Amino acid sequence: MTPSSWKDQIEKKWGPHKHCPICGKAMPPDRKFCSQDCRDNYLQDQKKQKKKGRYQIVFLVAMMAVMFIFMFFVL
């Protein structure tokens, strides 16, 4: 008889589950979040990340425009 791995032992003890990506609590494997609060926090973070990405793109495009204008008039 071979000894069972730690994963098998955990599976036997707790059953199939996964963890919430926001708070880390155990939950059923068919759910994405453990609660509505965690889902709302996730969506709010996604909005912030999207907004931050837009600002970065605008900043980079503006810096490129300034560099091209600088190169055109100075050189």
PDB file of N, CA and C in Angstrom:
ATOM      1  N   MET A   1       0.846  -1.182   0.000  1.00  0.00           N
ATOM      2  CA  MET A   1       0.000   0.000   0.000  1.00  0.00           C
ATOM      3  C   MET A   1       0.890   1.244   0.000  1.00  0.00           C
ATOM      4  N   THR A   2       0.630   2.160  -0.906  1.00  0.00           N
ATOM      5  CA  THR A   2       1.440   3.373  -0.997  1.00  0.00           C
ATOM      6  C   THR A   2       0.836   4.469  -0.124  1.00  0.00           C
ATOM      7  N   PRO A   3       1.692   5.264   0.478  1.00  0.00           N
ATOM      8  CA  PRO A   3       1.159   6.364   1.299  1.00  0.00           C
ATOM      9  C   PRO A   3       0.501   7.418   0.411  1.00  0.00           C
ATOM     10  N   SER A   4      -0.586   7.985   0.889  1.00  0.00           N
ATOM     11  CA  SER A   4      -1.285   8.989   0.092  1.00  0.00           C
ATOM     12  C   SER A   4      -0.569  10.331   0.207  1.00  0.00           C
ATOM     13  N   SER A   5      -0.667  11.109  -0.824  1.00  0.00           N
ATOM     14  CA  SER A   5      -0.011  12.417  -0.831  1.00  0.00           C
ATOM     15  C   SER A   5      -0.795  13.390   0.031  1.00  0.00           C
ATOM     16  N   TRP A   6      -0.187  14.500   0.332  1.00  0.00           N
ATOM     17  CA  TRP A   6      -0.867  15.512   1.155  1.00  0.00           C
ATOM     18  C   TRP A   6      -2.080  16.072   0.430  1.00  0.00           C
ATOM     19  N   LYS A   7      -2.019  16.124  -0.894  1.00  0.00           N
ATOM     20  CA  LYS A   7      -3.179  16.609  -1.658  1.00  0.00           C
ATOM     21  C   LYS A   7      -4.362  15.647  -1.500  1.00  0.00           C
ATOM     22  N   ASP A   8      -4.069  14.359  -1.546  1.00  0.00           N
ATOM     23  CA  ASP A   8      -5.135  13.368  -1.360  1.00  0.00           C
ATOM     24  C   ASP A   8      -5.737  13.465   0.037  1.00  0.00           C
ATOM     25  N   GLN A   9      -4.884  13.685   1.030  1.00  0.00           N
ATOM     26  CA  GLN A   9      -5.366  13.800   2.405  1.00  0.00           C
ATOM     27  C   GLN A   9      -6.268  15.023   2.568  1.00  0.00           C
ATOM     28  N   ILE A  10      -5.862  16.145   1.975  1.00  0.00           N
ATOM     29  CA  ILE A  10      -6.680  17.363   2.056  1.00  0.00           C
ATOM     30  C   ILE A  10      -8.000  17.163   1.325  1.00  0.00           C
ATOM     31  N   GLU A  11      -7.938  16.561   0.144  1.00  0.00           N
ATOM     32  CA  GLU A  11      -9.149  16.298  -0.634  1.00  0.00           C
ATOM     33  C   GLU A  11     -10.117  15.410   0.144  1.00  0.00           C
ATOM     34  N   LYS A  12      -9.576  14.408   0.822  1.00  0.00           N
ATOM     35  CA  LYS A  12     -10.418  13.502   1.597  1.00  0.00           C
ATOM     36  C   LYS A  12     -11.052  14.233   2.788  1.00  0.00           C
ATOM     37  N   LYS A  13     -10.283  15.105   3.424  1.00  0.00           N
ATOM     38  CA  LYS A  13     -10.775  15.791   4.619  1.00  0.00           C
ATOM     39  C   LYS A  13     -11.782  16.887   4.276  1.00  0.00           C
ATOM     40  N   TRP A  14     -11.493  17.708   3.289  1.00  0.00           N
ATOM     41  CA  TRP A  14     -12.328  18.893   3.013  1.00  0.00           C
ATOM     42  C   TRP A  14     -13.250  18.726   1.823  1.00  0.00           C
ATOM     43  N   GLY A  15     -13.003  17.786   0.970  1.00  0.00           N
ATOM     44  CA  GLY A  15     -13.834  17.621  -0.211  1.00  0.00           C
ATOM     45  C   GLY A  15     -13.428  18.625  -1.288  1.00  0.00           C
ATOM     46  N   PRO A  16     -14.076  18.558  -2.429  1.00  0.00           N
ATOM     47  CA  PRO A  16     -13.699  19.479  -3.510  1.00  0.00           C
ATOM     48  C   PRO A  16     -14.070  20.921  -3.144  1.00  0.00           C
ATOM     49  N   HIS A  17     -13.120  21.804  -3.284  1.00  0.00           N
ATOM     50  CA  HIS A  17     -13.361  23.221  -3.011  1.00  0.00           C
ATOM     51  C   HIS A  17     -12.275  24.043  -3.708  1.00  0.00           C
ATOM     52  N   LYS A  18     -12.480  25.328  -3.750  1.00  0.00           N
ATOM     53  CA  LYS A  18     -11.444  26.259  -4.195  1.00  0.00           C
ATOM     54  C   LYS A  18     -11.523  27.480  -3.291  1.00  0.00           C
ATOM     55  N   HIS A  19     -10.605  28.412  -3.491  1.00  0.00           N
ATOM     56  CA  HIS A  19     -10.528  29.556  -2.598  1.00  0.00           C
ATOM     57  C   HIS A  19     -10.878  30.848  -3.338  1.00  0.00           C
ATOM     58  N   CYS A  20     -11.513  31.749  -2.612  1.00  0.00           N
ATOM     59  CA  CYS A  20     -11.920  33.047  -3.156  1.00  0.00           C
ATOM     60  C   CYS A  20     -10.669  33.835  -3.564  1.00  0.00           C
ATOM     61  N   PRO A  21     -10.644  34.413  -4.766  1.00  0.00           N
ATOM     62  CA  PRO A  21      -9.462  35.169  -5.203  1.00  0.00           C
ATOM     63  C   PRO A  21      -9.263  36.480  -4.435  1.00  0.00           C
ATOM     64  N   ILE A  22     -10.272  36.948  -3.732  1.00  0.00           N
ATOM     65  CA  ILE A  22     -10.166  38.210  -2.998  1.00  0.00           C
ATOM     66  C   ILE A  22      -9.747  37.968  -1.554  1.00  0.00           C
ATOM     67  N   CYS A  23     -10.487  37.161  -0.813  1.00  0.00           N
ATOM     68  CA  CYS A  23     -10.223  36.997   0.621  1.00  0.00           C
ATOM     69  C   CYS A  23      -9.573  35.668   0.969  1.00  0.00           C
ATOM     70  N   GLY A  24      -9.605  34.686   0.074  1.00  0.00           N
ATOM     71  CA  GLY A  24      -8.958  33.409   0.319  1.00  0.00           C
ATOM     72  C   GLY A  24      -9.779  32.388   1.083  1.00  0.00           C
ATOM     73  N   LYS A  25     -11.039  32.685   1.370  1.00  0.00           N
ATOM     74  CA  LYS A  25     -11.883  31.722   2.090  1.00  0.00           C
ATOM     75  C   LYS A  25     -12.227  30.548   1.180  1.00  0.00           C
ATOM     76  N   ALA A  26     -12.390  29.379   1.783  1.00  0.00           N
ATOM     77  CA  ALA A  26     -12.800  28.193   1.026  1.00  0.00           C
ATOM     78  C   ALA A  26     -14.255  28.346   0.606  1.00  0.00           C
ATOM     79  N   MET A  27     -14.549  27.837  -0.597  1.00  0.00           N
ATOM     80  CA  MET A  27     -15.910  27.935  -1.132  1.00  0.00           C
ATOM     81  C   MET A  27     -16.135  26.775  -2.091  1.00  0.00           C
ATOM     82  N   PRO A  28     -17.375  26.542  -2.513  1.00  0.00           N
ATOM     83  CA  PRO A  28     -17.648  25.467  -3.472  1.00  0.00           C
ATOM     84  C   PRO A  28     -16.930  25.727  -4.805  1.00  0.00           C
ATOM     85  N   PRO A  29     -16.555  24.664  -5.514  1.00  0.00           N
ATOM     86  CA  PRO A  29     -15.789  24.849  -6.754  1.00  0.00           C
ATOM     87  C   PRO A  29     -16.569  25.495  -7.895  1.00  0.00           C
ATOM     88  N   ASP A  30     -17.895  25.545  -7.806  1.00  0.00           N
ATOM     89  CA  ASP A  30     -18.677  26.107  -8.903  1.00  0.00           C
ATOM     90  C   ASP A  30     -18.870  27.625  -8.789  1.00  0.00           C
ATOM     91  N   ARG A  31     -18.406  28.235  -7.706  1.00  0.00           N
ATOM     92  CA  ARG A  31     -18.577  29.679  -7.517  1.00  0.00           C
ATOM     93  C   ARG A  31     -17.278  30.409  -7.824  1.00  0.00           C
ATOM     94  N   LYS A  32     -17.384  31.675  -8.245  1.00  0.00           N
ATOM     95  CA  LYS A  32     -16.194  32.475  -8.530  1.00  0.00           C
ATOM     96  C   LYS A  32     -15.762  33.292  -7.317  1.00  0.00           C
ATOM     97  N   PHE A  33     -16.713  33.688  -6.486  1.00  0.00           N
ATOM     98  CA  PHE A  33     -16.433  34.488  -5.300  1.00  0.00           C
ATOM     99  C   PHE A  33     -17.240  33.934  -4.135  1.00  0.00           C
ATOM    100  N   CYS A  34     -16.744  34.170  -2.912  1.00  0.00           N
ATOM    101  CA  CYS A  34     -17.434  33.618  -1.749  1.00  0.00           C
ATOM    102  C   CYS A  34     -18.638  34.466  -1.349  1.00  0.00           C
ATOM    103  N   SER A  35     -18.645  35.748  -1.683  1.00  0.00           N
ATOM    104  CA  SER A  35     -19.754  36.615  -1.286  1.00  0.00           C
ATOM    105  C   SER A  35     -19.921  37.747  -2.290  1.00  0.00           C
ATOM    106  N   GLN A  36     -21.018  38.450  -2.156  1.00  0.00           N
ATOM    107  CA  GLN A  36     -21.277  39.599  -3.026  1.00  0.00           C
ATOM    108  C   GLN A  36     -20.260  40.713  -2.762  1.00  0.00           C
ATOM    109  N   ASP A  37     -19.830  40.859  -1.504  1.00  0.00           N
ATOM    110  CA  ASP A  37     -18.832  41.879  -1.179  1.00  0.00           C
ATOM    111  C   ASP A  37     -17.521  41.627  -1.923  1.00  0.00           C
ATOM    112  N   CYS A  38     -17.074  40.381  -1.943  1.00  0.00           N
ATOM    113  CA  CYS A  38     -15.837  40.047  -2.661  1.00  0.00           C
ATOM    114  C   CYS A  38     -16.000  40.289  -4.158  1.00  0.00           C
ATOM    115  N   ARG A  39     -17.163  39.964  -4.693  1.00  0.00           N
ATOM    116  CA  ARG A  39     -17.415  40.196  -6.120  1.00  0.00           C
ATOM    117  C   ARG A  39     -17.375  41.688  -6.424  1.00  0.00           C
ATOM    118  N   ASP A  40     -18.017  42.490  -5.564  1.00  0.00           N
ATOM    119  CA  ASP A  40     -18.019  43.938  -5.755  1.00  0.00           C
ATOM    120  C   ASP A  40     -16.602  44.515  -5.659  1.00  0.00           C
ATOM    121  N   ASN A  41     -15.811  44.025  -4.687  1.00  0.00           N
ATOM    122  CA  ASN A  41     -14.424  44.480  -4.561  1.00  0.00           C
ATOM    123  C   ASN A  41     -13.618  44.145  -5.799  1.00  0.00           C
ATOM    124  N   TYR A  42     -13.824  42.948  -6.337  1.00  0.00           N
ATOM    125  CA  TYR A  42     -13.112  42.530  -7.540  1.00  0.00           C
ATOM    126  C   TYR A  42     -13.465  43.435  -8.727  1.00  0.00           C
ATOM    127  N   LEU A  43     -14.749  43.695  -8.912  1.00  0.00           N
ATOM    128  CA  LEU A  43     -15.171  44.541 -10.026  1.00  0.00           C
ATOM    129  C   LEU A  43     -14.653  45.963  -9.868  1.00  0.00           C
ATOM    130  N   GLN A  44     -14.635  46.464  -8.635  1.00  0.00           N
ATOM    131  CA  GLN A  44     -14.120  47.806  -8.379  1.00  0.00           C
ATOM    132  C   GLN A  44     -12.614  47.868  -8.694  1.00  0.00           C
ATOM    133  N   ASP A  45     -11.872  46.845  -8.304  1.00  0.00           N
ATOM    134  CA  ASP A  45     -10.446  46.796  -8.618  1.00  0.00           C
ATOM    135  C   ASP A  45     -10.215  46.740 -10.122  1.00  0.00           C
ATOM    136  N   GLN A  46     -11.052  45.998 -10.833  1.00  0.00           N
ATOM    137  CA  GLN A  46     -10.918  45.911 -12.285  1.00  0.00           C
ATOM    138  C   GLN A  46     -11.139  47.272 -12.939  1.00  0.00           C
ATOM    139  N   LYS A  47     -12.122  48.025 -12.444  1.00  0.00           N
ATOM    140  CA  LYS A  47     -12.371  49.367 -12.970  1.00  0.00           C
ATOM    141  C   LYS A  47     -11.173  50.273 -12.738  1.00  0.00           C
ATOM    142  N   LYS A  48     -10.592  50.195 -11.534  1.00  0.00           N
ATOM    143  CA  LYS A  48      -9.425  51.012 -11.211  1.00  0.00           C
ATOM    144  C   LYS A  48      -8.249  50.672 -12.124  1.00  0.00           C
ATOM    145  N   GLN A  49      -8.026  49.371 -12.355  1.00  0.00           N
ATOM    146  CA  GLN A  49      -6.928  48.946 -13.206  1.00  0.00           C
ATOM    147  C   GLN A  49      -7.126  49.426 -14.647  1.00  0.00           C
ATOM    148  N   LYS A  50      -8.352  49.349 -15.123  1.00  0.00           N
ATOM    149  CA  LYS A  50      -8.647  49.792 -16.484  1.00  0.00           C
ATOM    150  C   LYS A  50      -8.413  51.301 -16.624  1.00  0.00           C
ATOM    151  N   LYS A  51      -8.855  52.048 -15.620  1.00  0.00           N
ATOM    152  CA  LYS A  51      -8.677  53.504 -15.625  1.00  0.00           C
ATOM    153  C   LYS A  51      -7.191  53.861 -15.575  1.00  0.00           C
ATOM    154  N   LYS A  52      -6.442  53.164 -14.728  1.00  0.00           N
ATOM    155  CA  LYS A  52      -5.006  53.398 -14.613  1.00  0.00           C
ATOM    156  C   LYS A  52      -4.306  53.100 -15.940  1.00  0.00           C
ATOM    157  N   GLY A  53      -4.710  52.029 -16.599  1.00  0.00           N
ATOM    158  CA  GLY A  53      -4.136  51.678 -17.894  1.00  0.00           C
ATOM    159  C   GLY A  53      -4.399  52.746 -18.945  1.00  0.00           C
ATOM    160  N   ARG A  54      -5.595  53.298 -18.927  1.00  0.00           N
ATOM    161  CA  ARG A  54      -5.917  54.374 -19.882  1.00  0.00           C
ATOM    162  C   ARG A  54      -5.039  55.591 -19.645  1.00  0.00           C
ATOM    163  N   TYR A  55      -4.857  55.956 -18.375  1.00  0.00           N
ATOM    164  CA  TYR A  55      -3.999  57.100 -18.052  1.00  0.00           C
ATOM    165  C   TYR A  55      -2.562  56.853 -18.512  1.00  0.00           C
ATOM    166  N   GLN A  56      -2.065  55.651 -18.344  1.00  0.00           N
ATOM    167  CA  GLN A  56      -0.714  55.334 -18.777  1.00  0.00           C
ATOM    168  C   GLN A  56      -0.568  55.442 -20.289  1.00  0.00           C
ATOM    169  N   ILE A  57      -1.552  54.962 -21.031  1.00  0.00           N
ATOM    170  CA  ILE A  57      -1.508  55.046 -22.485  1.00  0.00           C
ATOM    171  C   ILE A  57      -1.514  56.508 -22.927  1.00  0.00           C
ATOM    172  N   VAL A  58      -2.401  57.309 -22.352  1.00  0.00           N
ATOM    173  CA  VAL A  58      -2.481  58.727 -22.711  1.00  0.00           C
ATOM    174  C   VAL A  58      -1.157  59.417 -22.394  1.00  0.00           C
ATOM    175  N   PHE A  59      -0.564  59.112 -21.250  1.00  0.00           N
ATOM    176  CA  PHE A  59       0.707  59.713 -20.866  1.00  0.00           C
ATOM    177  C   PHE A  59       1.805  59.332 -21.851  1.00  0.00           C
ATOM    178  N   LEU A  60       1.880  58.072 -22.232  1.00  0.00           N
ATOM    179  CA  LEU A  60       2.913  57.633 -23.170  1.00  0.00           C
ATOM    180  C   LEU A  60       2.738  58.273 -24.541  1.00  0.00           C
ATOM    181  N   VAL A  61       1.514  58.353 -25.017  1.00  0.00           N
ATOM    182  CA  VAL A  61       1.262  58.981 -26.316  1.00  0.00           C
ATOM    183  C   VAL A  61       1.628  60.464 -26.255  1.00  0.00           C
ATOM    184  N   ALA A  62       1.289  61.136 -25.168  1.00  0.00           N
ATOM    185  CA  ALA A  62       1.626  62.549 -25.015  1.00  0.00           C
ATOM    186  C   ALA A  62       3.143  62.746 -24.972  1.00  0.00           C
ATOM    187  N   MET A  63       3.841  61.876 -24.269  1.00  0.00           N
ATOM    188  CA  MET A  63       5.304  61.990 -24.204  1.00  0.00           C
ATOM    189  C   MET A  63       5.934  61.754 -25.576  1.00  0.00           C
ATOM    190  N   MET A  64       5.396  60.807 -26.330  1.00  0.00           N
ATOM    191  CA  MET A  64       5.910  60.582 -27.681  1.00  0.00           C
ATOM    192  C   MET A  64       5.674  61.804 -28.551  1.00  0.00           C
ATOM    193  N   ALA A  65       4.503  62.418 -28.439  1.00  0.00           N
ATOM    194  CA  ALA A  65       4.206  63.617 -29.223  1.00  0.00           C
ATOM    195  C   ALA A  65       5.166  64.739 -28.861  1.00  0.00           C
ATOM    196  N   VAL A  66       5.425  64.925 -27.584  1.00  0.00           N
ATOM    197  CA  VAL A  66       6.366  65.966 -27.151  1.00  0.00           C
ATOM    198  C   VAL A  66       7.757  65.680 -27.705  1.00  0.00           C
ATOM    199  N   MET A  67       8.186  64.435 -27.671  1.00  0.00           N
ATOM    200  CA  MET A  67       9.513  64.084 -28.193  1.00  0.00           C
ATOM    201  C   MET A  67       9.602  64.326 -29.697  1.00  0.00           C
ATOM    202  N   PHE A  68       8.559  63.974 -30.446  1.00  0.00           N
ATOM    203  CA  PHE A  68       8.588  64.225 -31.889  1.00  0.00           C
ATOM    204  C   PHE A  68       8.611  65.713 -32.190  1.00  0.00           C
ATOM    205  N   ILE A  69       7.823  66.486 -31.485  1.00  0.00           N
ATOM    206  CA  ILE A  69       7.819  67.940 -31.690  1.00  0.00           C
ATOM    207  C   ILE A  69       9.177  68.517 -31.335  1.00  0.00           C
ATOM    208  N   PHE A  70       9.759  68.084 -30.237  1.00  0.00           N
ATOM    209  CA  PHE A  70      11.079  68.542 -29.820  1.00  0.00           C
ATOM    210  C   PHE A  70      12.121  68.210 -30.884  1.00  0.00           C
ATOM    211  N   MET A  71      12.089  66.988 -31.410  1.00  0.00           N
ATOM    212  CA  MET A  71      13.051  66.590 -32.435  1.00  0.00           C
ATOM    213  C   MET A  71      12.849  67.384 -33.720  1.00  0.00           C
ATOM    214  N   PHE A  72      11.630  67.667 -34.072  1.00  0.00           N
ATOM    215  CA  PHE A  72      11.339  68.381 -35.313  1.00  0.00           C
ATOM    216  C   PHE A  72      11.818  69.826 -35.256  1.00  0.00           C
ATOM    217  N   PHE A  73      11.618  70.518 -34.146  1.00  0.00           N
ATOM    218  CA  PHE A  73      11.967  71.932 -34.058  1.00  0.00           C
ATOM    219  C   PHE A  73      13.410  72.175 -33.615  1.00  0.00           C
ATOM    220  N   VAL A  74      13.974  71.317 -32.829  1.00  0.00           N
ATOM    221  CA  VAL A  74      15.328  71.542 -32.324  1.00  0.00           C
ATOM    222  C   VAL A  74      16.377  71.015 -33.266  1.00  0.00           C
ATOM    223  N   LEU A  75      16.129  69.860 -33.842  1.00  0.00           N
ATOM    224  CA  LEU A  75      17.121  69.269 -34.749  1.00  0.00           C
ATOM    225  C   LEU A  75      16.779  69.624 -36.125  1.00  0.00           C
TER     226      LEU A  75
END
